[in-house]
Structure formats: structure tokens, C-alpha cells
Protein backbone atom coordinates (compact mmCIF):
# COMPACT_ATOMS: atom_id res chain seq x y z
CA MET A 1 -9.88 5.86 12.15
CA GLU A 2 -8.86 8.87 10.04
CA LEU A 3 -5.80 10.02 8.20
CA ILE A 4 -5.79 13.70 7.90
CA ALA A 5 -3.37 15.68 5.65
CA GLU A 6 -3.23 19.36 6.39
CA SER A 7 -1.87 21.70 3.70
CA ILE A 8 0.99 19.36 2.36
CA TYR A 9 3.74 20.65 0.22
CA LYS A 10 6.75 18.77 -1.11
CA ARG A 11 9.59 20.13 -3.01
CA PHE A 12 12.59 18.30 -4.65
CA HIS A 13 15.56 20.82 -5.29
CA GLN A 14 13.66 24.01 -6.84
CA ALA A 15 10.66 22.02 -8.11
CA TRP A 16 7.27 21.63 -6.23
CA ILE A 17 6.06 18.17 -6.55
CA ILE A 18 2.97 18.67 -4.40
CA ARG A 19 1.37 22.05 -3.34
CA ASP A 20 -1.29 22.63 -0.51
CA PHE A 21 -2.83 19.19 -0.58
CA SER A 22 -5.47 18.82 2.28
CA TYR A 23 -7.85 15.70 2.61
CA THR A 24 -9.31 13.43 5.22
CA PHE A 25 -9.27 9.72 4.72
CA SER A 26 -11.83 7.53 6.78
CA SER A 27 -12.00 3.96 7.47
CA ASN A 28 -14.20 1.61 5.32
CA HIS A 29 -13.42 3.65 2.16
CA ILE A 30 -11.12 2.84 -0.80
CA TYR A 31 -9.63 5.93 -2.36
CA GLY A 32 -7.80 6.40 -5.69
CA ILE A 33 -4.96 8.87 -6.28
CA ALA A 34 -4.88 9.51 -9.96
CA GLY A 35 -2.48 11.56 -12.29
CA LEU A 36 0.08 11.62 -15.07
CA ASN A 37 3.36 10.70 -14.56
CA GLY A 38 5.30 13.21 -12.56
CA SER A 39 1.97 14.56 -10.70
CA GLY A 40 3.33 13.39 -7.39
CA LYS A 41 1.18 10.20 -6.70
CA SER A 42 4.02 7.93 -5.21
CA THR A 43 5.49 10.86 -3.46
CA LEU A 44 2.09 11.62 -1.71
CA LEU A 45 1.68 8.04 -0.91
CA HIS A 46 5.05 8.04 0.85
CA ILE A 47 4.13 11.20 2.95
CA LEU A 48 0.80 9.79 3.81
CA ALA A 49 2.62 6.58 4.92
CA GLY A 50 5.09 8.40 6.99
CA LEU A 51 7.93 7.32 4.94
CA THR A 52 8.85 10.67 3.38
CA PRO A 53 8.40 13.95 5.43
CA PRO A 54 6.65 16.87 3.70
CA SER A 55 8.31 20.09 3.06
CA LYS A 56 5.35 21.68 4.83
CA GLY A 57 2.21 20.66 6.41
CA LYS A 58 1.02 17.84 8.82
CA ILE A 59 -0.11 14.43 8.54
CA ARG A 60 -2.30 13.13 11.55
CA TYR A 61 -3.58 9.83 12.27
CA VAL A 62 -6.72 10.12 14.42
CA ASP A 63 -8.46 7.25 16.37
CA ASN A 64 -11.99 7.97 17.99
CA GLY A 65 -10.82 11.70 18.26
CA SER A 66 -7.39 11.11 19.53
CA ALA A 67 -4.23 11.72 17.67
CA LEU A 68 -1.67 8.87 17.38
CA SER A 69 1.84 9.36 17.97
CA GLU A 70 4.06 9.33 14.96
CA GLU A 71 6.01 6.49 16.69
CA SER A 72 2.98 4.09 16.75
CA TRP A 73 1.96 4.59 13.09
CA PHE A 74 4.01 1.77 11.62
CA GLN A 75 2.18 -0.72 13.64
CA GLY A 76 -1.07 -0.05 11.61
CA ILE A 77 0.20 0.42 8.00
CA CYS A 78 0.87 -1.87 5.32
CA TYR A 79 2.53 -0.71 2.04
CA ALA A 80 2.90 -2.60 -1.25
CA ALA A 81 4.44 -1.33 -4.55
CA PRO A 82 6.40 -3.10 -7.36
CA TYR A 83 9.40 -1.04 -6.57
CA ALA A 84 9.48 -2.38 -2.93
CA ASP A 85 12.10 -4.85 -2.31
CA LEU A 86 11.67 -8.36 -0.78
CA TYR A 87 14.40 -10.16 0.88
CA GLU A 88 15.59 -12.23 -2.37
CA TYR A 89 17.90 -14.61 -0.61
CA MET A 90 15.34 -15.93 1.64
CA ASN A 91 12.78 -18.68 0.60
CA LEU A 92 9.26 -18.05 1.20
CA GLU A 93 8.99 -19.91 4.68
CA GLU A 94 12.02 -17.82 5.97
CA LEU A 95 10.56 -14.49 4.52
CA MET A 96 7.33 -14.98 6.24
CA THR A 97 8.76 -16.26 9.62
CA HIS A 98 10.87 -13.19 9.66
CA TYR A 99 7.84 -10.91 8.61
CA LEU A 100 5.47 -12.43 11.14
CA GLY A 101 8.01 -11.28 13.82
CA PHE A 102 6.76 -7.77 13.19
CA LYS A 103 3.28 -8.23 12.07
CA LYS A 104 0.57 -10.62 12.19
CA PHE A 105 -2.12 -12.06 9.76
CA SER A 106 -5.51 -11.26 10.21
CA LYS A 107 -7.87 -14.15 11.07
CA ASN A 108 -4.75 -16.10 12.29
CA LEU A 109 -3.98 -17.21 8.91
CA SER A 110 -1.40 -20.08 8.82
CA PHE A 111 1.59 -20.28 6.58
CA LYS A 112 -0.18 -23.05 4.73
CA GLU A 113 -3.18 -21.15 4.17
CA PHE A 114 -1.37 -18.06 3.16
CA VAL A 115 0.67 -20.04 0.50
CA ASP A 116 -2.87 -21.45 -0.70
CA VAL A 117 -4.13 -18.03 -1.00
CA VAL A 118 -1.36 -16.57 -2.87
CA PHE A 119 -1.02 -19.56 -5.17
CA LEU A 120 2.64 -20.29 -4.60
CA ASN A 121 2.13 -24.07 -3.67
CA GLY A 122 5.43 -25.98 -4.53
CA HIS A 123 7.36 -22.64 -4.44
CA GLU A 124 7.85 -22.40 -0.75
CA HIS A 125 11.45 -23.47 -0.86
CA LYS A 126 12.78 -21.47 -3.69
CA LEU A 127 14.65 -18.39 -3.12
CA ILE A 128 12.51 -15.16 -3.72
CA LYS A 129 14.95 -14.14 -6.30
CA MET A 130 13.81 -17.15 -8.44
CA TYR A 131 10.27 -15.88 -8.57
CA SER A 132 8.89 -14.04 -11.62
CA SER A 133 7.83 -10.40 -11.39
CA GLY A 134 4.20 -11.52 -11.32
CA MET A 135 4.77 -13.90 -8.40
CA LYS A 136 6.83 -11.35 -6.49
CA GLN A 137 3.98 -8.86 -6.98
CA ARG A 138 1.28 -11.36 -5.82
CA LEU A 139 3.49 -12.12 -2.84
CA LYS A 140 3.84 -8.24 -1.85
CA LEU A 141 -0.15 -7.62 -2.40
CA ALA A 142 -0.91 -10.81 -0.35
CA ILE A 143 1.42 -9.86 2.57
CA SER A 144 -0.14 -6.26 2.74
CA ILE A 145 -3.76 -6.97 2.24
CA LEU A 146 -3.71 -10.16 4.58
CA SER A 147 -1.89 -8.43 7.45
CA GLU A 148 -3.46 -6.88 10.51
CA SER A 149 -3.41 -3.29 9.67
CA ARG A 150 -5.77 -0.11 9.68
CA ILE A 151 -4.30 1.65 6.56
CA LEU A 152 -3.27 -0.06 3.47
CA PHE A 153 -1.31 1.80 0.78
CA LEU A 154 -0.96 0.28 -2.63
CA ASP A 155 1.13 1.86 -5.32
CA GLU A 156 0.52 0.60 -9.04
CA PRO A 157 -1.11 -2.66 -7.45
CA GLN A 158 -1.72 -4.46 -10.74
CA SER A 159 1.75 -3.96 -12.22
CA ASN A 160 3.22 -7.14 -13.53
CA LEU A 161 0.05 -9.16 -13.13
CA ASP A 162 -1.65 -11.42 -15.79
CA ASP A 163 -5.36 -11.41 -15.98
CA PHE A 164 -5.78 -14.19 -13.55
CA SER A 165 -3.96 -12.45 -11.02
CA LYS A 166 -5.69 -9.16 -11.48
CA SER A 167 -8.94 -10.85 -10.70
CA TRP A 168 -7.31 -12.60 -7.59
CA TYR A 169 -6.01 -9.13 -6.39
CA GLN A 170 -9.44 -7.58 -6.81
CA ASN A 171 -11.17 -10.22 -5.03
CA LEU A 172 -8.67 -10.40 -2.12
CA LEU A 173 -9.06 -6.72 -1.74
CA LYS A 174 -12.66 -6.53 -1.77
CA GLU A 175 -12.65 -9.32 0.93
CA HIS A 176 -10.35 -7.71 3.31
CA ALA A 177 -10.64 -3.91 2.83
CA LYS A 178 -13.53 -3.70 5.50
CA ASN A 179 -12.68 -1.43 8.43
CA LYS A 180 -9.42 -0.11 6.76
CA ILE A 181 -8.52 3.10 5.02
CA VAL A 182 -7.17 1.72 1.51
CA ILE A 183 -5.27 4.31 -0.78
CA ILE A 184 -4.28 3.26 -4.12
CA ALA A 185 -2.10 5.41 -6.40
CA SER A 186 -2.02 4.67 -10.01
CA ASN A 187 -2.43 6.27 -13.72
CA GLU A 188 -4.25 2.99 -14.75
CA ALA A 189 -8.11 3.18 -14.95
CA GLU A 190 -8.27 -0.51 -14.05
CA ASP A 191 -6.80 0.06 -10.72
CA PHE A 192 -9.81 2.34 -9.75
CA LYS A 193 -12.34 -0.23 -10.09
CA LEU A 194 -13.19 -0.68 -6.38
CA VAL A 195 -12.62 2.99 -5.28
CA ASP A 196 -15.14 4.92 -3.51
CA GLU A 197 -13.58 8.35 -4.08
CA LYS A 198 -10.97 9.44 -6.43
CA ILE A 199 -8.61 12.13 -6.17
CA GLU A 200 -6.97 13.64 -9.26
CA LEU A 201 -3.36 15.17 -8.99
CA LYS A 202 -2.08 17.54 -11.67
CA ALA A 203 1.57 17.99 -12.29
CA LEU A 204 2.95 21.28 -11.15
CA SER A 205 5.11 23.90 -13.11
CA ARG A 206 8.13 25.19 -11.13
């Protein structure tokens, strides 16, 4: 599997955020996208995931030499970010029943096994809005990392995590990154411990 970015440009109003970005991402690799605030890390992640269109350029997903249609991209993508919303008026069991109607967990993970992995035992029937920011972030990461996917996008993955949860996340990612393209956007050095290749973005002037 390859994700190919060809001469990507992105402009908001009169300001260029990304200019002429090209890169080929391959399976079995973890990539880091680094840069100062305002350098376009999250914007680039959105473009690569098909969530935001580029102003110019093209994104291609290629499997065994054949390009995948844009309509089929979502089936192989998972995305986690601290700003991503959860259904806060569902409890965990309701949320996962809803989610598993769209995607499946790898290795046929059961709901109980998922709860054990994410350390949310005893919280299954609480509304998600009652969870702490750290619990929500663990939940987002676990859903994305444990789902069947071919490309995994993580934006600031260790935000809101305590030391225990950071270690938990790193071990979980290490265990489940095989055969995937993993792309991590962050400005924290700790988020790049597991990356194979690091891409540095620079903030552009107008």
C-alpha cells in the first residue's frame, strides 16, 4: 500500500499554508510530520486523509500498483486527534455498537477485550461526556489503532495523557502498526519515538 502526495498546495484566504509538498508513504512504516505551530501539520494530515481538499495537487492511494477510488478510501483509514468529537451522550457500550457498524476491530476483538485494553473497566455505562480528557484520548487512540485499517493518522496523539497512558499508547501502537502506513503529526519530540522517517514542515510567509 502507498499513499502518494503529488505537489500539494493549500491556501486559506490569501495565505499559503502548504506549498509544493510531495511524498510517498509506504506500508510497514511510521512517519512523523513535525513543525512549529502554524506550519500546516494538521492541515496536511487532513489533506492526506481526504478530509480537506488541496488547493492544488493530488493525493493517490495505490494498492499493488492500482489506484484506489476516492470513494473507497474511508474504508481503510482511521484518524485520531484530541479535537475530534465523540458521541458524548452515548455510553461506551452504545458508542462501540454504533462504531462497529462501520468498521471492525482487528483480530475479532470483543467488547470486553476492548474495555480491558483501554483500561475503562467499570466505566462501560457512563456517558462519554463524564470521562476525563485523558480517558477520552485513550478511547480515541484505542478505537483507531485497534480497528482494521491500512492507514492510521494520529494528530498530537499523547495530548492529555499521563505517563502511564503514554507508555500504554506507545506499546499499543508498536504492537498494531505492522502492515500499516502510520502518519503522526506533532510538535512534541516524544511523539516521534517510534517513527521510521520524520518530515519537517516550515511555516510559510504569505
